[in-house]
Amino acid sequence: MNILPALRLPHIAALVQDGRVVVEVVDYELRDMVEDHLAEECDLEYEYLMPAIEGGPACRMVFPPGVLLSEVIDALNLLDAAEVERVFRLNNPH
């Protein structure tokens, strides 16, 4: 039985949908931060963005087949939760 690491960040979710890892981010500024971190620091680049849906996350990054949820969660957990919150609050002060 594989136990996935827990994602310890606010405003970000990571899941598997249709066999692909998807990272959901609730804010565009935060998406830029996450995208830069994953690509530049962790060598994990998503394949495409899914458009925002009403009442859902601002963006959904879909990763290529073969990318593991555990490696994406581990990479995301390298981000500082306080910095994630600070970036989120730039556009969401309340």
PDB file of N, CA and C in Angstrom:
ATOM      1  N   MET A   1       0.847  -1.180   0.000  1.00  0.00           N
ATOM      2  CA  MET A   1       0.000   0.000   0.000  1.00  0.00           C
ATOM      3  C   MET A   1       0.891   1.242   0.000  1.00  0.00           C
ATOM      4  N   ASN A   2       0.685   2.100  -0.965  1.00  0.00           N
ATOM      5  CA  ASN A   2       1.439   3.349  -1.039  1.00  0.00           C
ATOM      6  C   ASN A   2       0.713   4.428  -0.254  1.00  0.00           C
ATOM      7  N   ILE A   3       1.449   5.111   0.594  1.00  0.00           N
ATOM      8  CA  ILE A   3       0.873   6.225   1.348  1.00  0.00           C
ATOM      9  C   ILE A   3       1.436   7.516   0.764  1.00  0.00           C
ATOM     10  N   LEU A   4       0.534   8.377   0.306  1.00  0.00           N
ATOM     11  CA  LEU A   4       0.955   9.644  -0.284  1.00  0.00           C
ATOM     12  C   LEU A   4       1.336  10.643   0.796  1.00  0.00           C
ATOM     13  N   PRO A   5       2.332  11.474   0.515  1.00  0.00           N
ATOM     14  CA  PRO A   5       2.640  12.551   1.464  1.00  0.00           C
ATOM     15  C   PRO A   5       1.477  13.541   1.497  1.00  0.00           C
ATOM     16  N   ALA A   6       1.302  14.193   2.627  1.00  0.00           N
ATOM     17  CA  ALA A   6       0.236  15.185   2.763  1.00  0.00           C
ATOM     18  C   ALA A   6       0.694  16.514   2.190  1.00  0.00           C
ATOM     19  N   LEU A   7      -0.187  17.180   1.471  1.00  0.00           N
ATOM     20  CA  LEU A   7       0.098  18.523   0.979  1.00  0.00           C
ATOM     21  C   LEU A   7      -0.186  19.495   2.117  1.00  0.00           C
ATOM     22  N   ARG A   8       0.824  20.261   2.502  1.00  0.00           N
ATOM     23  CA  ARG A   8       0.734  21.120   3.683  1.00  0.00           C
ATOM     24  C   ARG A   8       0.648  22.598   3.314  1.00  0.00           C
ATOM     25  N   LEU A   9      -0.045  22.923   2.245  1.00  0.00           N
ATOM     26  CA  LEU A   9      -0.118  24.319   1.800  1.00  0.00           C
ATOM     27  C   LEU A   9      -1.563  24.773   1.649  1.00  0.00           C
ATOM     28  N   PRO A  10      -1.830  26.025   2.008  1.00  0.00           N
ATOM     29  CA  PRO A  10      -3.177  26.560   1.781  1.00  0.00           C
ATOM     30  C   PRO A  10      -3.362  26.960   0.320  1.00  0.00           C
ATOM     31  N   HIS A  11      -4.599  26.930  -0.150  1.00  0.00           N
ATOM     32  CA  HIS A  11      -5.001  27.466  -1.449  1.00  0.00           C
ATOM     33  C   HIS A  11      -4.478  26.668  -2.651  1.00  0.00           C
ATOM     34  N   ILE A  12      -3.927  25.485  -2.405  1.00  0.00           N
ATOM     35  CA  ILE A  12      -3.378  24.642  -3.465  1.00  0.00           C
ATOM     36  C   ILE A  12      -3.843  23.210  -3.195  1.00  0.00           C
ATOM     37  N   ALA A  13      -4.237  22.520  -4.262  1.00  0.00           N
ATOM     38  CA  ALA A  13      -4.602  21.105  -4.147  1.00  0.00           C
ATOM     39  C   ALA A  13      -3.882  20.332  -5.237  1.00  0.00           C
ATOM     40  N   ALA A  14      -3.580  19.081  -4.947  1.00  0.00           N
ATOM     41  CA  ALA A  14      -2.971  18.193  -5.942  1.00  0.00           C
ATOM     42  C   ALA A  14      -3.760  16.894  -5.931  1.00  0.00           C
ATOM     43  N   LEU A  15      -4.108  16.412  -7.111  1.00  0.00           N
ATOM     44  CA  LEU A  15      -4.939  15.224  -7.225  1.00  0.00           C
ATOM     45  C   LEU A  15      -4.656  14.521  -8.541  1.00  0.00           C
ATOM     46  N   VAL A  16      -5.226  13.339  -8.693  1.00  0.00           N
ATOM     47  CA  VAL A  16      -5.141  12.614  -9.955  1.00  0.00           C
ATOM     48  C   VAL A  16      -6.533  12.614 -10.561  1.00  0.00           C
ATOM     49  N   GLN A  17      -6.597  13.017 -11.824  1.00  0.00           N
ATOM     50  CA  GLN A  17      -7.862  13.036 -12.550  1.00  0.00           C
ATOM     51  C   GLN A  17      -7.614  12.430 -13.922  1.00  0.00           C
ATOM     52  N   ASP A  18      -8.383  11.435 -14.270  1.00  0.00           N
ATOM     53  CA  ASP A  18      -8.228  10.735 -15.553  1.00  0.00           C
ATOM     54  C   ASP A  18      -6.792  10.248 -15.750  1.00  0.00           C
ATOM     55  N   GLY A  19      -6.175   9.785 -14.667  1.00  0.00           N
ATOM     56  CA  GLY A  19      -4.835   9.242 -14.738  1.00  0.00           C
ATOM     57  C   GLY A  19      -3.712  10.261 -14.816  1.00  0.00           C
ATOM     58  N   ARG A  20      -4.036  11.540 -14.687  1.00  0.00           N
ATOM     59  CA  ARG A  20      -3.026  12.608 -14.777  1.00  0.00           C
ATOM     60  C   ARG A  20      -3.013  13.406 -13.481  1.00  0.00           C
ATOM     61  N   VAL A  21      -1.815  13.853 -13.091  1.00  0.00           N
ATOM     62  CA  VAL A  21      -1.701  14.721 -11.918  1.00  0.00           C
ATOM     63  C   VAL A  21      -2.192  16.114 -12.294  1.00  0.00           C
ATOM     64  N   VAL A  22      -3.025  16.663 -11.436  1.00  0.00           N
ATOM     65  CA  VAL A  22      -3.567  18.009 -11.622  1.00  0.00           C
ATOM     66  C   VAL A  22      -3.286  18.811 -10.357  1.00  0.00           C
ATOM     67  N   VAL A  23      -2.747  20.014 -10.544  1.00  0.00           N
ATOM     68  CA  VAL A  23      -2.558  20.933  -9.420  1.00  0.00           C
ATOM     69  C   VAL A  23      -3.553  22.074  -9.597  1.00  0.00           C
ATOM     70  N   GLU A  24      -4.377  22.272  -8.581  1.00  0.00           N
ATOM     71  CA  GLU A  24      -5.364  23.350  -8.602  1.00  0.00           C
ATOM     72  C   GLU A  24      -4.882  24.476  -7.701  1.00  0.00           C
ATOM     73  N   VAL A  25      -4.959  25.684  -8.232  1.00  0.00           N
ATOM     74  CA  VAL A  25      -4.527  26.867  -7.489  1.00  0.00           C
ATOM     75  C   VAL A  25      -5.661  27.881  -7.566  1.00  0.00           C
ATOM     76  N   VAL A  26      -5.968  28.523  -6.447  1.00  0.00           N
ATOM     77  CA  VAL A  26      -7.147  29.383  -6.382  1.00  0.00           C
ATOM     78  C   VAL A  26      -6.914  30.829  -6.799  1.00  0.00           C
ATOM     79  N   ASP A  27      -5.684  31.190  -7.144  1.00  0.00           N
ATOM     80  CA  ASP A  27      -5.378  32.584  -7.454  1.00  0.00           C
ATOM     81  C   ASP A  27      -4.310  32.630  -8.547  1.00  0.00           C
ATOM     82  N   TYR A  28      -4.442  33.581  -9.466  1.00  0.00           N
ATOM     83  CA  TYR A  28      -3.504  33.666 -10.597  1.00  0.00           C
ATOM     84  C   TYR A  28      -2.093  34.063 -10.165  1.00  0.00           C
ATOM     85  N   GLU A  29      -1.973  34.965  -9.218  1.00  0.00           N
ATOM     86  CA  GLU A  29      -0.651  35.359  -8.724  1.00  0.00           C
ATOM     87  C   GLU A  29       0.042  34.169  -8.068  1.00  0.00           C
ATOM     88  N   LEU A  30      -0.725  33.427  -7.306  1.00  0.00           N
ATOM     89  CA  LEU A  30      -0.203  32.230  -6.661  1.00  0.00           C
ATOM     90  C   LEU A  30       0.170  31.180  -7.702  1.00  0.00           C
ATOM     91  N   ARG A  31      -0.615  31.092  -8.768  1.00  0.00           N
ATOM     92  CA  ARG A  31      -0.282  30.152  -9.844  1.00  0.00           C
ATOM     93  C   ARG A  31       1.088  30.456 -10.432  1.00  0.00           C
ATOM     94  N   ASP A  32       1.392  31.733 -10.624  1.00  0.00           N
ATOM     95  CA  ASP A  32       2.707  32.108 -11.147  1.00  0.00           C
ATOM     96  C   ASP A  32       3.817  31.620 -10.219  1.00  0.00           C
ATOM     97  N   MET A  33       3.611  31.795  -8.932  1.00  0.00           N
ATOM     98  CA  MET A  33       4.603  31.352  -7.953  1.00  0.00           C
ATOM     99  C   MET A  33       4.790  29.837  -8.012  1.00  0.00           C
ATOM    100  N   VAL A  34       3.686  29.105  -8.028  1.00  0.00           N
ATOM    101  CA  VAL A  34       3.739  27.639  -8.057  1.00  0.00           C
ATOM    102  C   VAL A  34       4.363  27.159  -9.361  1.00  0.00           C
ATOM    103  N   GLU A  35       3.937  27.742 -10.468  1.00  0.00           N
ATOM    104  CA  GLU A  35       4.466  27.363 -11.777  1.00  0.00           C
ATOM    105  C   GLU A  35       5.982  27.575 -11.834  1.00  0.00           C
ATOM    106  N   ASP A  36       6.451  28.735 -11.391  1.00  0.00           N
ATOM    107  CA  ASP A  36       7.892  29.015 -11.387  1.00  0.00           C
ATOM    108  C   ASP A  36       8.642  28.037 -10.502  1.00  0.00           C
ATOM    109  N   HIS A  37       8.123  27.780  -9.329  1.00  0.00           N
ATOM    110  CA  HIS A  37       8.781  26.860  -8.400  1.00  0.00           C
ATOM    111  C   HIS A  37       8.891  25.459  -8.990  1.00  0.00           C
ATOM    112  N   LEU A  38       7.769  24.944  -9.493  1.00  0.00           N
ATOM    113  CA  LEU A  38       7.792  23.578 -10.017  1.00  0.00           C
ATOM    114  C   LEU A  38       8.716  23.453 -11.224  1.00  0.00           C
ATOM    115  N   ALA A  39       8.670  24.430 -12.119  1.00  0.00           N
ATOM    116  CA  ALA A  39       9.479  24.360 -13.338  1.00  0.00           C
ATOM    117  C   ALA A  39      10.953  24.639 -13.070  1.00  0.00           C
ATOM    118  N   GLU A  40      11.245  25.698 -12.334  1.00  0.00           N
ATOM    119  CA  GLU A  40      12.631  26.152 -12.174  1.00  0.00           C
ATOM    120  C   GLU A  40      13.385  25.444 -11.053  1.00  0.00           C
ATOM    121  N   GLU A  41      12.699  25.155  -9.960  1.00  0.00           N
ATOM    122  CA  GLU A  41      13.368  24.547  -8.814  1.00  0.00           C
ATOM    123  C   GLU A  41      13.265  23.018  -8.808  1.00  0.00           C
ATOM    124  N   CYS A  42      12.194  22.494  -9.404  1.00  0.00           N
ATOM    125  CA  CYS A  42      11.921  21.058  -9.287  1.00  0.00           C
ATOM    126  C   CYS A  42      11.902  20.326 -10.631  1.00  0.00           C
ATOM    127  N   ASP A  43      12.089  21.052 -11.715  1.00  0.00           N
ATOM    128  CA  ASP A  43      12.097  20.459 -13.058  1.00  0.00           C
ATOM    129  C   ASP A  43      10.815  19.678 -13.354  1.00  0.00           C
ATOM    130  N   LEU A  44       9.680  20.234 -12.914  1.00  0.00           N
ATOM    131  CA  LEU A  44       8.365  19.646 -13.174  1.00  0.00           C
ATOM    132  C   LEU A  44       7.529  20.673 -13.938  1.00  0.00           C
ATOM    133  N   GLU A  45       7.332  20.423 -15.194  1.00  0.00           N
ATOM    134  CA  GLU A  45       6.541  21.348 -16.005  1.00  0.00           C
ATOM    135  C   GLU A  45       5.221  20.705 -16.381  1.00  0.00           C
ATOM    136  N   TYR A  46       4.152  21.473 -16.225  1.00  0.00           N
ATOM    137  CA  TYR A  46       2.844  20.951 -16.604  1.00  0.00           C
ATOM    138  C   TYR A  46       2.726  20.932 -18.123  1.00  0.00           C
ATOM    139  N   GLU A  47       1.784  20.147 -18.609  1.00  0.00           N
ATOM    140  CA  GLU A  47       1.582  20.010 -20.045  1.00  0.00           C
ATOM    141  C   GLU A  47       0.628  21.075 -20.585  1.00  0.00           C
ATOM    142  N   TYR A  48      -0.426  21.351 -19.833  1.00  0.00           N
ATOM    143  CA  TYR A  48      -1.362  22.391 -20.258  1.00  0.00           C
ATOM    144  C   TYR A  48      -2.165  22.890 -19.064  1.00  0.00           C
ATOM    145  N   LEU A  49      -2.771  24.069 -19.237  1.00  0.00           N
ATOM    146  CA  LEU A  49      -3.659  24.658 -18.234  1.00  0.00           C
ATOM    147  C   LEU A  49      -5.097  24.412 -18.634  1.00  0.00           C
ATOM    148  N   MET A  50      -5.902  24.072 -17.660  1.00  0.00           N
ATOM    149  CA  MET A  50      -7.341  23.990 -17.899  1.00  0.00           C
ATOM    150  C   MET A  50      -7.943  25.313 -17.450  1.00  0.00           C
ATOM    151  N   PRO A  51      -8.906  25.823 -18.194  1.00  0.00           N
ATOM    152  CA  PRO A  51      -9.499  27.116 -17.824  1.00  0.00           C
ATOM    153  C   PRO A  51     -10.255  27.037 -16.501  1.00  0.00           C
ATOM    154  N   ALA A  52     -10.372  28.178 -15.885  1.00  0.00           N
ATOM    155  CA  ALA A  52     -11.122  28.281 -14.635  1.00  0.00           C
ATOM    156  C   ALA A  52     -12.582  27.941 -14.882  1.00  0.00           C
ATOM    157  N   ILE A  53     -13.200  27.368 -13.876  1.00  0.00           N
ATOM    158  CA  ILE A  53     -14.629  27.092 -13.945  1.00  0.00           C
ATOM    159  C   ILE A  53     -15.325  27.890 -12.854  1.00  0.00           C
ATOM    160  N   GLU A  54     -16.541  28.263 -13.096  1.00  0.00           N
ATOM    161  CA  GLU A  54     -17.305  29.067 -12.146  1.00  0.00           C
ATOM    162  C   GLU A  54     -17.328  28.400 -10.775  1.00  0.00           C
ATOM    163  N   GLY A  55     -16.871  29.137  -9.774  1.00  0.00           N
ATOM    164  CA  GLY A  55     -16.864  28.630  -8.415  1.00  0.00           C
ATOM    165  C   GLY A  55     -15.729  27.668  -8.113  1.00  0.00           C
ATOM    166  N   GLY A  56     -14.857  27.437  -9.081  1.00  0.00           N
ATOM    167  CA  GLY A  56     -13.746  26.501  -8.889  1.00  0.00           C
ATOM    168  C   GLY A  56     -12.420  27.231  -8.781  1.00  0.00           C
ATOM    169  N   PRO A  57     -11.336  26.482  -8.887  1.00  0.00           N
ATOM    170  CA  PRO A  57     -10.009  27.104  -8.792  1.00  0.00           C
ATOM    171  C   PRO A  57      -9.729  28.017  -9.975  1.00  0.00           C
ATOM    172  N   ALA A  58      -8.838  28.977  -9.768  1.00  0.00           N
ATOM    173  CA  ALA A  58      -8.478  29.919 -10.830  1.00  0.00           C
ATOM    174  C   ALA A  58      -7.779  29.202 -11.970  1.00  0.00           C
ATOM    175  N   CYS A  59      -7.024  28.183 -11.657  1.00  0.00           N
ATOM    176  CA  CYS A  59      -6.372  27.435 -12.731  1.00  0.00           C
ATOM    177  C   CYS A  59      -6.099  26.013 -12.286  1.00  0.00           C
ATOM    178  N   ARG A  60      -5.963  25.161 -13.286  1.00  0.00           N
ATOM    179  CA  ARG A  60      -5.652  23.750 -13.065  1.00  0.00           C
ATOM    180  C   ARG A  60      -4.504  23.398 -13.996  1.00  0.00           C
ATOM    181  N   MET A  61      -3.368  23.040 -13.428  1.00  0.00           N
ATOM    182  CA  MET A  61      -2.200  22.633 -14.201  1.00  0.00           C
ATOM    183  C   MET A  61      -2.231  21.113 -14.354  1.00  0.00           C
ATOM    184  N   VAL A  62      -2.231  20.647 -15.592  1.00  0.00           N
ATOM    185  CA  VAL A  62      -2.288  19.215 -15.870  1.00  0.00           C
ATOM    186  C   VAL A  62      -0.899  18.758 -16.317  1.00  0.00           C
ATOM    187  N   PHE A  63      -0.383  17.744 -15.630  1.00  0.00           N
ATOM    188  CA  PHE A  63       0.968  17.260 -15.892  1.00  0.00           C
ATOM    189  C   PHE A  63       0.954  16.095 -16.869  1.00  0.00           C
ATOM    190  N   PRO A  64       2.068  15.868 -17.546  1.00  0.00           N
ATOM    191  CA  PRO A  64       2.141  14.784 -18.520  1.00  0.00           C
ATOM    192  C   PRO A  64       1.988  13.409 -17.863  1.00  0.00           C
ATOM    193  N   PRO A  65       1.575  12.421 -18.634  1.00  0.00           N
ATOM    194  CA  PRO A  65       1.531  11.058 -18.101  1.00  0.00           C
ATOM    195  C   PRO A  65       2.911  10.672 -17.569  1.00  0.00           C
ATOM    196  N   GLY A  66       2.922   9.908 -16.508  1.00  0.00           N
ATOM    197  CA  GLY A  66       4.183   9.472 -15.927  1.00  0.00           C
ATOM    198  C   GLY A  66       4.636  10.306 -14.748  1.00  0.00           C
ATOM    199  N   VAL A  67       4.127  11.526 -14.622  1.00  0.00           N
ATOM    200  CA  VAL A  67       4.441  12.346 -13.448  1.00  0.00           C
ATOM    201  C   VAL A  67       3.625  11.796 -12.285  1.00  0.00           C
ATOM    202  N   LEU A  68       4.285  11.568 -11.180  1.00  0.00           N
ATOM    203  CA  LEU A  68       3.635  10.964 -10.014  1.00  0.00           C
ATOM    204  C   LEU A  68       3.093  12.022  -9.060  1.00  0.00           C
ATOM    205  N   LEU A  69       1.937  11.740  -8.500  1.00  0.00           N
ATOM    206  CA  LEU A  69       1.336  12.657  -7.531  1.00  0.00           C
ATOM    207  C   LEU A  69       2.279  12.876  -6.349  1.00  0.00           C
ATOM    208  N   SER A  70       2.919  11.830  -5.883  1.00  0.00           N
ATOM    209  CA  SER A  70       3.805  11.960  -4.725  1.00  0.00           C
ATOM    210  C   SER A  70       4.963  12.913  -5.015  1.00  0.00           C
ATOM    211  N   GLU A  71       5.524  12.887  -6.234  1.00  0.00           N
ATOM    212  CA  GLU A  71       6.641  13.795  -6.521  1.00  0.00           C
ATOM    213  C   GLU A  71       6.163  15.243  -6.635  1.00  0.00           C
ATOM    214  N   VAL A  72       4.962  15.452  -7.129  1.00  0.00           N
ATOM    215  CA  VAL A  72       4.419  16.812  -7.206  1.00  0.00           C
ATOM    216  C   VAL A  72       4.129  17.333  -5.803  1.00  0.00           C
ATOM    217  N   ILE A  73       3.532  16.498  -4.957  1.00  0.00           N
ATOM    218  CA  ILE A  73       3.259  16.920  -3.579  1.00  0.00           C
ATOM    219  C   ILE A  73       4.559  17.228  -2.848  1.00  0.00           C
ATOM    220  N   ASP A  74       5.562  16.364  -3.000  1.00  0.00           N
ATOM    221  CA  ASP A  74       6.857  16.620  -2.362  1.00  0.00           C
ATOM    222  C   ASP A  74       7.445  17.952  -2.833  1.00  0.00           C
ATOM    223  N   ALA A  75       7.346  18.227  -4.135  1.00  0.00           N
ATOM    224  CA  ALA A  75       7.873  19.478  -4.684  1.00  0.00           C
ATOM    225  C   ALA A  75       7.090  20.677  -4.153  1.00  0.00           C
ATOM    226  N   LEU A  76       5.773  20.569  -4.103  1.00  0.00           N
ATOM    227  CA  LEU A  76       4.951  21.669  -3.591  1.00  0.00           C
ATOM    228  C   LEU A  76       5.261  21.940  -2.118  1.00  0.00           C
ATOM    229  N   ASN A  77       5.483  20.893  -1.357  1.00  0.00           N
ATOM    230  CA  ASN A  77       5.742  21.056   0.077  1.00  0.00           C
ATOM    231  C   ASN A  77       7.068  21.754   0.359  1.00  0.00           C
ATOM    232  N   LEU A  78       7.897  21.931  -0.649  1.00  0.00           N
ATOM    233  CA  LEU A  78       9.129  22.709  -0.471  1.00  0.00           C
ATOM    234  C   LEU A  78       8.843  24.207  -0.381  1.00  0.00           C
ATOM    235  N   LEU A  79       7.654  24.613  -0.854  1.00  0.00           N
ATOM    236  CA  LEU A  79       7.259  26.020  -0.751  1.00  0.00           C
ATOM    237  C   LEU A  79       6.969  26.362   0.706  1.00  0.00           C
ATOM    238  N   ASP A  80       7.235  27.596   1.069  1.00  0.00           N
ATOM    239  CA  ASP A  80       6.963  28.081   2.413  1.00  0.00           C
ATOM    240  C   ASP A  80       5.481  28.463   2.522  1.00  0.00           C
ATOM    241  N   ALA A  81       4.765  27.851   3.458  1.00  0.00           N
ATOM    242  CA  ALA A  81       3.326  28.093   3.603  1.00  0.00           C
ATOM    243  C   ALA A  81       3.020  29.562   3.892  1.00  0.00           C
ATOM    244  N   ALA A  82       3.862  30.228   4.663  1.00  0.00           N
ATOM    245  CA  ALA A  82       3.644  31.646   4.963  1.00  0.00           C
ATOM    246  C   ALA A  82       3.783  32.486   3.701  1.00  0.00           C
ATOM    247  N   GLU A  83       4.730  32.143   2.841  1.00  0.00           N
ATOM    248  CA  GLU A  83       4.900  32.870   1.583  1.00  0.00           C
ATOM    249  C   GLU A  83       3.731  32.596   0.631  1.00  0.00           C
ATOM    250  N   VAL A  84       3.244  31.382   0.626  1.00  0.00           N
ATOM    251  CA  VAL A  84       2.060  31.053  -0.182  1.00  0.00           C
ATOM    252  C   VAL A  84       0.888  31.917   0.277  1.00  0.00           C
ATOM    253  N   GLU A  85       0.687  32.010   1.566  1.00  0.00           N
ATOM    254  CA  GLU A  85      -0.407  32.830   2.110  1.00  0.00           C
ATOM    255  C   GLU A  85      -0.210  34.306   1.772  1.00  0.00           C
ATOM    256  N   ARG A  86       1.020  34.798   1.880  1.00  0.00           N
ATOM    257  CA  ARG A  86       1.306  36.201   1.563  1.00  0.00           C
ATOM    258  C   ARG A  86       0.977  36.504   0.102  1.00  0.00           C
ATOM    259  N   VAL A  87       1.382  35.642  -0.799  1.00  0.00           N
ATOM    260  CA  VAL A  87       1.105  35.854  -2.231  1.00  0.00           C
ATOM    261  C   VAL A  87      -0.394  35.781  -2.492  1.00  0.00           C
ATOM    262  N   PHE A  88      -1.089  34.847  -1.872  1.00  0.00           N
ATOM    263  CA  PHE A  88      -2.528  34.746  -2.023  1.00  0.00           C
ATOM    264  C   PHE A  88      -3.215  36.024  -1.556  1.00  0.00           C
ATOM    265  N   ARG A  89      -2.757  36.604  -0.467  1.00  0.00           N
ATOM    266  CA  ARG A  89      -3.373  37.813   0.104  1.00  0.00           C
ATOM    267  C   ARG A  89      -3.151  39.070  -0.751  1.00  0.00           C
ATOM    268  N   LEU A  90      -2.230  39.039  -1.694  1.00  0.00           N
ATOM    269  CA  LEU A  90      -2.033  40.202  -2.585  1.00  0.00           C
ATOM    270  C   LEU A  90      -3.316  40.543  -3.327  1.00  0.00           C
ATOM    271  N   ASN A  91      -4.029  39.535  -3.803  1.00  0.00           N
ATOM    272  CA  ASN A  91      -5.275  39.747  -4.537  1.00  0.00           C
ATOM    273  C   ASN A  91      -6.523  39.415  -3.721  1.00  0.00           C
ATOM    274  N   ASN A  92      -6.328  38.874  -2.538  1.00  0.00           N
ATOM    275  CA  ASN A  92      -7.432  38.439  -1.684  1.00  0.00           C
ATOM    276  C   ASN A  92      -7.185  38.923  -0.259  1.00  0.00           C
ATOM    277  N   PRO A  93      -7.292  40.228  -0.025  1.00  0.00           N
ATOM    278  CA  PRO A  93      -6.902  40.781   1.281  1.00  0.00           C
ATOM    279  C   PRO A  93      -7.805  40.354   2.445  1.00  0.00           C
ATOM    280  N   HIS A  94      -9.001  39.876   2.181  1.00  0.00           N
ATOM    281  CA  HIS A  94      -9.920  39.543   3.297  1.00  0.00           C
ATOM    282  C   HIS A  94     -10.077  38.069   3.438  1.00  0.00           C
TER     283      HIS A  94
END
